[in-house]
Amino acid sequence: MTSVVSSRGRDVRYGRDDETWDRMVEEGTLYLEDVARDADLTSYSALNAELVHGPGCRPFDFEQAADRAAVGYLLGRIVDHNYSRIGLMLSALVRHIDANEAGPGFSQLAQQMNLLDKNASRAAKREFWIGHVAQLHALYRGPSAS
C-alpha cells in the first residue's frame, strides 16, 4: 500500500487523505447497497463514475497501476467498514467490465479474512463469489422482494 505523511503531518494513501477515503467508503457503501437492492452487479468503472459524480472525488485512472491498487484498497475499506454489520463482502458486487466475475482482489481479501481456503481452486473461488452475490441480493432486497 502506498502511504506517506504529508507536509501537514496527515497520512495520505494513494494521493488521498483519510477524510477523502472515509467519504469514498460512505458513498461507495451507499452505491453498492443500491446495486444489491437492484439485484445487480456493477463495474470498477461505474463505481469510479459514481464517486466522481456523487462526492466529487478525483477519478481513478485505471491506466495507472497505483490507481488500480487504490480501488482495491477502497473496496477493502468498504468490506472492513461493513462486514461486522452484514457478514458479507459488499465488494462482491464489483466485477471486471468485460468479465462476469470479481477481480482477484476479492478472493485474496476473502482468504485474508479466512472466509476462503488459501488453496482454493478457481472453481471454488467462483462458487464463493456467486454465493456472496446471491446472499447480498437476498439481504438487500428483503423477504418481500419477488
N, C-alpha and C. Protein backbone atom coordinates (compact mmCIF):
# COMPACT_ATOMS: atom_id res chain seq x y z
N MET A 1 0.84 -1.16 0.00
CA MET A 1 0.00 0.00 0.00
C MET A 1 0.89 1.23 0.00
N THR A 2 0.52 2.22 -0.78
CA THR A 2 1.26 3.46 -0.83
C THR A 2 0.76 4.38 0.27
N SER A 3 1.63 4.71 1.20
CA SER A 3 1.24 5.57 2.30
C SER A 3 2.40 6.50 2.62
N VAL A 4 2.13 7.77 2.67
CA VAL A 4 3.14 8.75 3.03
C VAL A 4 2.52 9.75 3.97
N VAL A 5 3.34 10.46 4.68
CA VAL A 5 2.86 11.51 5.56
C VAL A 5 3.07 12.83 4.84
N SER A 6 2.01 13.60 4.73
CA SER A 6 2.08 14.88 4.03
C SER A 6 2.86 15.89 4.87
N SER A 7 3.14 17.04 4.27
CA SER A 7 3.87 18.09 4.97
C SER A 7 3.09 18.63 6.16
N ARG A 8 1.79 18.38 6.19
CA ARG A 8 0.97 18.83 7.34
C ARG A 8 0.82 17.73 8.37
N GLY A 9 1.55 16.61 8.20
CA GLY A 9 1.53 15.54 9.19
C GLY A 9 0.35 14.60 9.03
N ARG A 10 -0.40 14.71 7.94
CA ARG A 10 -1.56 13.84 7.73
C ARG A 10 -1.17 12.65 6.88
N ASP A 11 -1.73 11.50 7.21
CA ASP A 11 -1.47 10.28 6.46
C ASP A 11 -2.19 10.36 5.11
N VAL A 12 -1.46 10.09 4.04
CA VAL A 12 -2.02 10.15 2.69
C VAL A 12 -1.72 8.82 2.00
N ARG A 13 -2.77 8.14 1.56
CA ARG A 13 -2.61 6.87 0.83
C ARG A 13 -3.08 7.09 -0.60
N TYR A 14 -2.25 6.69 -1.54
CA TYR A 14 -2.59 6.81 -2.96
C TYR A 14 -3.03 8.24 -3.31
N GLY A 15 -2.41 9.22 -2.68
CA GLY A 15 -2.69 10.61 -3.00
C GLY A 15 -4.00 11.15 -2.43
N ARG A 16 -4.61 10.42 -1.50
CA ARG A 16 -5.86 10.85 -0.89
C ARG A 16 -5.73 10.77 0.62
N ASP A 17 -6.28 11.75 1.32
CA ASP A 17 -6.18 11.75 2.78
C ASP A 17 -7.30 10.91 3.40
N ASP A 18 -7.21 10.68 4.71
CA ASP A 18 -8.18 9.83 5.41
C ASP A 18 -9.60 10.35 5.28
N GLU A 19 -9.78 11.65 5.32
CA GLU A 19 -11.11 12.23 5.18
C GLU A 19 -11.72 11.87 3.82
N THR A 20 -10.92 11.94 2.78
CA THR A 20 -11.39 11.58 1.44
C THR A 20 -11.72 10.10 1.37
N TRP A 21 -10.85 9.25 1.93
CA TRP A 21 -11.13 7.81 1.94
C TRP A 21 -12.42 7.52 2.69
N ASP A 22 -12.60 8.16 3.85
CA ASP A 22 -13.82 7.93 4.64
C ASP A 22 -15.06 8.31 3.84
N ARG A 23 -14.99 9.42 3.13
CA ARG A 23 -16.11 9.87 2.30
C ARG A 23 -16.37 8.87 1.17
N MET A 24 -15.30 8.38 0.56
CA MET A 24 -15.46 7.41 -0.52
C MET A 24 -16.02 6.08 0.01
N VAL A 25 -15.62 5.68 1.21
CA VAL A 25 -16.17 4.46 1.81
C VAL A 25 -17.67 4.62 2.03
N GLU A 26 -18.08 5.75 2.58
CA GLU A 26 -19.51 6.00 2.81
C GLU A 26 -20.29 6.00 1.51
N GLU A 27 -19.82 6.74 0.53
CA GLU A 27 -20.52 6.83 -0.76
C GLU A 27 -20.47 5.51 -1.51
N GLY A 28 -19.33 4.85 -1.46
CA GLY A 28 -19.20 3.55 -2.11
C GLY A 28 -20.13 2.52 -1.49
N THR A 29 -20.27 2.55 -0.17
CA THR A 29 -21.19 1.66 0.53
C THR A 29 -22.63 1.91 0.09
N LEU A 30 -23.04 3.17 0.08
CA LEU A 30 -24.41 3.50 -0.34
C LEU A 30 -24.67 3.05 -1.78
N TYR A 31 -23.69 3.27 -2.65
CA TYR A 31 -23.84 2.86 -4.05
C TYR A 31 -23.97 1.34 -4.16
N LEU A 32 -23.09 0.60 -3.47
CA LEU A 32 -23.13 -0.85 -3.56
C LEU A 32 -24.40 -1.41 -2.93
N GLU A 33 -24.91 -0.78 -1.89
CA GLU A 33 -26.19 -1.21 -1.31
C GLU A 33 -27.32 -1.01 -2.32
N ASP A 34 -27.29 0.09 -3.06
CA ASP A 34 -28.29 0.30 -4.13
C ASP A 34 -28.17 -0.76 -5.21
N VAL A 35 -26.95 -1.10 -5.58
CA VAL A 35 -26.73 -2.15 -6.57
C VAL A 35 -27.31 -3.47 -6.07
N ALA A 36 -27.09 -3.77 -4.80
CA ALA A 36 -27.62 -5.01 -4.21
C ALA A 36 -29.15 -5.00 -4.20
N ARG A 37 -29.75 -3.86 -3.85
CA ARG A 37 -31.22 -3.76 -3.85
C ARG A 37 -31.80 -4.01 -5.23
N ASP A 38 -31.07 -3.61 -6.25
CA ASP A 38 -31.50 -3.82 -7.63
C ASP A 38 -31.16 -5.23 -8.12
N ALA A 39 -30.58 -6.05 -7.24
CA ALA A 39 -30.15 -7.42 -7.59
C ALA A 39 -29.27 -7.39 -8.84
N ASP A 40 -28.28 -6.51 -8.80
CA ASP A 40 -27.43 -6.28 -9.96
C ASP A 40 -25.97 -6.42 -9.57
N LEU A 41 -25.10 -6.25 -10.53
CA LEU A 41 -23.66 -6.15 -10.33
C LEU A 41 -23.24 -4.80 -10.90
N THR A 42 -22.04 -4.38 -10.57
CA THR A 42 -21.51 -3.14 -11.11
C THR A 42 -20.06 -3.38 -11.53
N SER A 43 -19.45 -2.38 -12.12
CA SER A 43 -18.06 -2.49 -12.56
C SER A 43 -17.20 -1.48 -11.82
N TYR A 44 -15.91 -1.67 -11.93
CA TYR A 44 -14.98 -0.71 -11.36
C TYR A 44 -15.21 0.67 -11.97
N SER A 45 -15.45 0.71 -13.26
CA SER A 45 -15.67 1.98 -13.95
C SER A 45 -16.93 2.68 -13.45
N ALA A 46 -18.00 1.92 -13.25
CA ALA A 46 -19.25 2.51 -12.76
C ALA A 46 -19.08 3.02 -11.33
N LEU A 47 -18.38 2.27 -10.50
CA LEU A 47 -18.10 2.72 -9.13
C LEU A 47 -17.29 4.01 -9.18
N ASN A 48 -16.29 4.05 -10.03
CA ASN A 48 -15.45 5.23 -10.20
C ASN A 48 -16.31 6.43 -10.60
N ALA A 49 -17.18 6.24 -11.58
CA ALA A 49 -18.05 7.34 -12.04
C ALA A 49 -18.97 7.81 -10.93
N GLU A 50 -19.48 6.90 -10.14
CA GLU A 50 -20.38 7.26 -9.03
C GLU A 50 -19.64 8.10 -8.00
N LEU A 51 -18.40 7.75 -7.70
CA LEU A 51 -17.62 8.50 -6.71
C LEU A 51 -17.26 9.89 -7.23
N VAL A 52 -17.04 10.02 -8.52
CA VAL A 52 -16.74 11.33 -9.11
C VAL A 52 -18.00 12.19 -9.11
N HIS A 53 -19.12 11.57 -9.51
CA HIS A 53 -20.38 12.30 -9.63
C HIS A 53 -20.95 12.66 -8.25
N GLY A 54 -20.99 11.68 -7.33
CA GLY A 54 -21.58 11.89 -6.01
C GLY A 54 -20.77 12.85 -5.16
N PRO A 55 -19.75 12.35 -4.47
CA PRO A 55 -18.98 13.22 -3.57
C PRO A 55 -17.93 14.08 -4.27
N GLY A 56 -17.83 13.98 -5.59
CA GLY A 56 -16.89 14.82 -6.32
C GLY A 56 -15.44 14.47 -6.11
N CYS A 57 -15.15 13.18 -5.94
CA CYS A 57 -13.78 12.73 -5.74
C CYS A 57 -13.02 12.74 -7.06
N ARG A 58 -11.72 12.86 -6.94
CA ARG A 58 -10.85 12.76 -8.11
C ARG A 58 -10.97 11.35 -8.67
N PRO A 59 -11.16 11.21 -9.98
CA PRO A 59 -11.34 9.86 -10.54
C PRO A 59 -10.08 9.02 -10.49
N PHE A 60 -10.29 7.73 -10.42
CA PHE A 60 -9.18 6.79 -10.53
C PHE A 60 -8.86 6.63 -12.01
N ASP A 61 -7.59 6.56 -12.33
CA ASP A 61 -7.13 6.35 -13.70
C ASP A 61 -6.67 4.90 -13.81
N PHE A 62 -7.50 4.06 -14.41
CA PHE A 62 -7.22 2.63 -14.45
C PHE A 62 -6.04 2.27 -15.34
N GLU A 63 -5.50 3.24 -16.07
CA GLU A 63 -4.27 3.01 -16.82
C GLU A 63 -3.05 3.00 -15.89
N GLN A 64 -3.22 3.53 -14.70
CA GLN A 64 -2.13 3.63 -13.73
C GLN A 64 -2.24 2.51 -12.69
N ALA A 65 -1.17 1.77 -12.50
CA ALA A 65 -1.16 0.66 -11.54
C ALA A 65 -1.51 1.14 -10.14
N ALA A 66 -1.02 2.31 -9.75
CA ALA A 66 -1.31 2.82 -8.41
C ALA A 66 -2.80 3.08 -8.21
N ASP A 67 -3.47 3.58 -9.24
CA ASP A 67 -4.91 3.84 -9.11
C ASP A 67 -5.71 2.54 -9.12
N ARG A 68 -5.26 1.54 -9.87
CA ARG A 68 -5.93 0.23 -9.81
C ARG A 68 -5.78 -0.34 -8.40
N ALA A 69 -4.61 -0.21 -7.82
CA ALA A 69 -4.38 -0.67 -6.44
C ALA A 69 -5.23 0.15 -5.46
N ALA A 70 -5.38 1.43 -5.72
CA ALA A 70 -6.17 2.30 -4.84
C ALA A 70 -7.63 1.87 -4.81
N VAL A 71 -8.18 1.45 -5.95
CA VAL A 71 -9.57 0.98 -5.97
C VAL A 71 -9.68 -0.30 -5.13
N GLY A 72 -8.70 -1.16 -5.23
CA GLY A 72 -8.68 -2.35 -4.38
C GLY A 72 -8.63 -1.99 -2.91
N TYR A 73 -7.83 -0.99 -2.58
CA TYR A 73 -7.74 -0.52 -1.21
C TYR A 73 -9.11 0.01 -0.75
N LEU A 74 -9.77 0.78 -1.61
CA LEU A 74 -11.10 1.31 -1.28
C LEU A 74 -12.09 0.18 -1.03
N LEU A 75 -12.11 -0.81 -1.91
CA LEU A 75 -13.04 -1.93 -1.73
C LEU A 75 -12.74 -2.69 -0.44
N GLY A 76 -11.47 -2.83 -0.10
CA GLY A 76 -11.11 -3.45 1.17
C GLY A 76 -11.62 -2.66 2.36
N ARG A 77 -11.52 -1.34 2.27
CA ARG A 77 -12.05 -0.49 3.36
C ARG A 77 -13.56 -0.59 3.45
N ILE A 78 -14.23 -0.68 2.30
CA ILE A 78 -15.69 -0.84 2.32
C ILE A 78 -16.06 -2.15 3.01
N VAL A 79 -15.35 -3.22 2.68
CA VAL A 79 -15.60 -4.51 3.34
C VAL A 79 -15.34 -4.39 4.83
N ASP A 80 -14.20 -3.82 5.22
CA ASP A 80 -13.87 -3.65 6.64
C ASP A 80 -14.96 -2.86 7.37
N HIS A 81 -15.47 -1.84 6.72
CA HIS A 81 -16.47 -0.96 7.33
C HIS A 81 -17.82 -1.66 7.53
N ASN A 82 -18.14 -2.61 6.67
CA ASN A 82 -19.48 -3.20 6.67
C ASN A 82 -19.56 -4.66 7.10
N TYR A 83 -18.46 -5.37 7.10
CA TYR A 83 -18.53 -6.82 7.31
C TYR A 83 -19.15 -7.19 8.66
N SER A 84 -18.78 -6.51 9.72
CA SER A 84 -19.32 -6.88 11.04
C SER A 84 -20.83 -6.65 11.11
N ARG A 85 -21.33 -5.74 10.31
CA ARG A 85 -22.77 -5.42 10.31
C ARG A 85 -23.57 -6.39 9.45
N ILE A 86 -23.04 -6.78 8.27
CA ILE A 86 -23.82 -7.60 7.36
C ILE A 86 -23.27 -9.02 7.17
N GLY A 87 -22.04 -9.27 7.59
CA GLY A 87 -21.46 -10.60 7.47
C GLY A 87 -21.17 -11.02 6.04
N LEU A 88 -21.09 -10.06 5.13
CA LEU A 88 -20.81 -10.32 3.72
C LEU A 88 -19.86 -9.26 3.18
N MET A 89 -19.23 -9.58 2.08
CA MET A 89 -18.29 -8.66 1.44
C MET A 89 -19.00 -7.91 0.32
N LEU A 90 -19.34 -6.64 0.57
CA LEU A 90 -20.03 -5.83 -0.45
C LEU A 90 -19.24 -5.74 -1.75
N SER A 91 -17.94 -5.89 -1.66
CA SER A 91 -17.10 -5.79 -2.86
C SER A 91 -17.40 -6.89 -3.87
N ALA A 92 -18.14 -7.93 -3.47
CA ALA A 92 -18.51 -8.99 -4.40
C ALA A 92 -19.32 -8.46 -5.57
N LEU A 93 -19.98 -7.34 -5.39
CA LEU A 93 -20.85 -6.79 -6.43
C LEU A 93 -20.08 -6.06 -7.53
N VAL A 94 -18.77 -5.89 -7.34
CA VAL A 94 -17.96 -5.18 -8.32
C VAL A 94 -17.20 -6.21 -9.16
N ARG A 95 -17.42 -6.15 -10.46
CA ARG A 95 -16.79 -7.11 -11.35
C ARG A 95 -16.01 -6.36 -12.43
N HIS A 96 -15.15 -7.09 -13.10
CA HIS A 96 -14.45 -6.52 -14.25
C HIS A 96 -15.47 -6.20 -15.33
N ILE A 97 -15.30 -5.10 -16.02
CA ILE A 97 -16.27 -4.65 -17.01
C ILE A 97 -16.46 -5.65 -18.15
N ASP A 98 -15.42 -6.38 -18.51
CA ASP A 98 -15.50 -7.33 -19.62
C ASP A 98 -15.60 -8.78 -19.15
N ALA A 99 -15.86 -8.98 -17.87
CA ALA A 99 -15.93 -10.34 -17.34
C ALA A 99 -17.09 -10.45 -16.35
N ASN A 100 -17.58 -11.64 -16.19
CA ASN A 100 -18.65 -11.85 -15.25
C ASN A 100 -18.10 -12.54 -14.01
N GLU A 101 -17.16 -11.86 -13.37
CA GLU A 101 -16.58 -12.36 -12.13
C GLU A 101 -15.86 -11.24 -11.41
N ALA A 102 -15.60 -11.48 -10.16
CA ALA A 102 -14.87 -10.49 -9.36
C ALA A 102 -13.40 -10.49 -9.75
N GLY A 103 -12.73 -9.41 -9.43
CA GLY A 103 -11.30 -9.34 -9.64
C GLY A 103 -10.57 -10.21 -8.64
N PRO A 104 -9.28 -10.44 -8.85
CA PRO A 104 -8.52 -11.31 -7.96
C PRO A 104 -8.43 -10.78 -6.53
N GLY A 105 -8.57 -9.48 -6.36
CA GLY A 105 -8.52 -8.91 -5.01
C GLY A 105 -9.64 -9.40 -4.12
N PHE A 106 -10.78 -9.75 -4.71
CA PHE A 106 -11.91 -10.24 -3.92
C PHE A 106 -11.56 -11.53 -3.21
N SER A 107 -11.05 -12.50 -3.96
CA SER A 107 -10.71 -13.79 -3.34
C SER A 107 -9.49 -13.65 -2.42
N GLN A 108 -8.55 -12.77 -2.77
CA GLN A 108 -7.40 -12.55 -1.89
C GLN A 108 -7.85 -12.01 -0.53
N LEU A 109 -8.78 -11.04 -0.56
CA LEU A 109 -9.28 -10.49 0.71
C LEU A 109 -10.05 -11.55 1.47
N ALA A 110 -10.87 -12.34 0.77
CA ALA A 110 -11.63 -13.41 1.43
C ALA A 110 -10.67 -14.40 2.10
N GLN A 111 -9.57 -14.70 1.45
CA GLN A 111 -8.57 -15.59 2.03
C GLN A 111 -7.91 -14.95 3.25
N GLN A 112 -7.59 -13.66 3.18
CA GLN A 112 -7.00 -12.96 4.32
C GLN A 112 -7.96 -12.95 5.51
N MET A 113 -9.25 -12.91 5.22
CA MET A 113 -10.27 -12.88 6.27
C MET A 113 -10.65 -14.29 6.72
N ASN A 114 -9.96 -15.30 6.19
CA ASN A 114 -10.23 -16.71 6.49
C ASN A 114 -11.66 -17.13 6.14
N LEU A 115 -12.20 -16.54 5.09
CA LEU A 115 -13.52 -16.91 4.60
C LEU A 115 -13.42 -17.91 3.46
N LEU A 116 -12.24 -17.99 2.88
CA LEU A 116 -11.98 -18.84 1.73
C LEU A 116 -10.63 -19.49 1.93
N ASP A 117 -10.57 -20.79 1.64
CA ASP A 117 -9.34 -21.54 1.81
C ASP A 117 -8.20 -20.92 1.00
N LYS A 118 -7.02 -20.89 1.59
CA LYS A 118 -5.85 -20.30 0.93
C LYS A 118 -5.50 -21.03 -0.37
N ASN A 119 -5.83 -22.30 -0.46
CA ASN A 119 -5.52 -23.09 -1.66
C ASN A 119 -6.76 -23.34 -2.51
N ALA A 120 -7.74 -22.47 -2.40
CA ALA A 120 -8.99 -22.66 -3.14
C ALA A 120 -8.73 -22.68 -4.65
N SER A 121 -9.42 -23.58 -5.31
CA SER A 121 -9.32 -23.67 -6.76
C SER A 121 -10.05 -22.49 -7.39
N ARG A 122 -9.84 -22.31 -8.68
CA ARG A 122 -10.56 -21.26 -9.42
C ARG A 122 -12.07 -21.48 -9.31
N ALA A 123 -12.50 -22.76 -9.42
CA ALA A 123 -13.93 -23.09 -9.31
C ALA A 123 -14.46 -22.75 -7.92
N ALA A 124 -13.69 -23.05 -6.88
CA ALA A 124 -14.12 -22.75 -5.51
C ALA A 124 -14.21 -21.24 -5.29
N LYS A 125 -13.27 -20.49 -5.85
CA LYS A 125 -13.31 -19.03 -5.74
C LYS A 125 -14.56 -18.48 -6.43
N ARG A 126 -14.86 -19.01 -7.61
CA ARG A 126 -16.03 -18.55 -8.35
C ARG A 126 -17.32 -18.90 -7.59
N GLU A 127 -17.38 -20.10 -7.05
CA GLU A 127 -18.56 -20.52 -6.28
C GLU A 127 -18.74 -19.63 -5.05
N PHE A 128 -17.64 -19.31 -4.37
CA PHE A 128 -17.70 -18.43 -3.21
C PHE A 128 -18.24 -17.06 -3.62
N TRP A 129 -17.74 -16.54 -4.73
CA TRP A 129 -18.20 -15.23 -5.22
C TRP A 129 -19.68 -15.27 -5.58
N ILE A 130 -20.10 -16.27 -6.33
CA ILE A 130 -21.51 -16.39 -6.73
C ILE A 130 -22.41 -16.47 -5.50
N GLY A 131 -21.99 -17.23 -4.51
CA GLY A 131 -22.75 -17.33 -3.26
C GLY A 131 -22.87 -16.00 -2.55
N HIS A 132 -21.78 -15.25 -2.54
CA HIS A 132 -21.80 -13.93 -1.90
C HIS A 132 -22.76 -12.99 -2.62
N VAL A 133 -22.70 -12.98 -3.94
CA VAL A 133 -23.58 -12.12 -4.72
C VAL A 133 -25.04 -12.46 -4.41
N ALA A 134 -25.38 -13.74 -4.43
CA ALA A 134 -26.76 -14.16 -4.16
C ALA A 134 -27.20 -13.74 -2.75
N GLN A 135 -26.32 -13.90 -1.78
CA GLN A 135 -26.66 -13.53 -0.41
C GLN A 135 -26.84 -12.02 -0.26
N LEU A 136 -26.00 -11.24 -0.93
CA LEU A 136 -26.14 -9.79 -0.89
C LEU A 136 -27.45 -9.35 -1.52
N HIS A 137 -27.79 -9.93 -2.66
CA HIS A 137 -29.06 -9.60 -3.31
C HIS A 137 -30.23 -9.93 -2.40
N ALA A 138 -30.20 -11.10 -1.78
CA ALA A 138 -31.28 -11.51 -0.88
C ALA A 138 -31.36 -10.59 0.34
N LEU A 139 -30.22 -10.25 0.92
CA LEU A 139 -30.21 -9.39 2.10
C LEU A 139 -30.81 -8.03 1.82
N TYR A 140 -30.41 -7.40 0.72
CA TYR A 140 -30.84 -6.04 0.45
C TYR A 140 -32.21 -5.96 -0.22
N ARG A 141 -32.63 -7.01 -0.88
CA ARG A 141 -33.97 -6.99 -1.47
C ARG A 141 -35.01 -7.32 -0.43
N GLY A 142 -34.62 -8.03 0.62
CA GLY A 142 -35.54 -8.34 1.71
C GLY A 142 -36.52 -9.44 1.39
N PRO A 143 -37.25 -9.88 2.40
CA PRO A 143 -38.15 -11.03 2.25
C PRO A 143 -39.36 -10.74 1.35
N SER A 144 -39.75 -9.47 1.18
CA SER A 144 -40.93 -9.17 0.38
C SER A 144 -40.63 -9.01 -1.10
N ALA A 145 -39.34 -9.07 -1.47
CA ALA A 145 -38.97 -8.92 -2.87
C ALA A 145 -39.39 -10.15 -3.65
N SER A 146 -39.78 -9.92 -4.89
CA SER A 146 -40.18 -11.07 -5.70
C SER A 146 -39.14 -11.38 -6.74
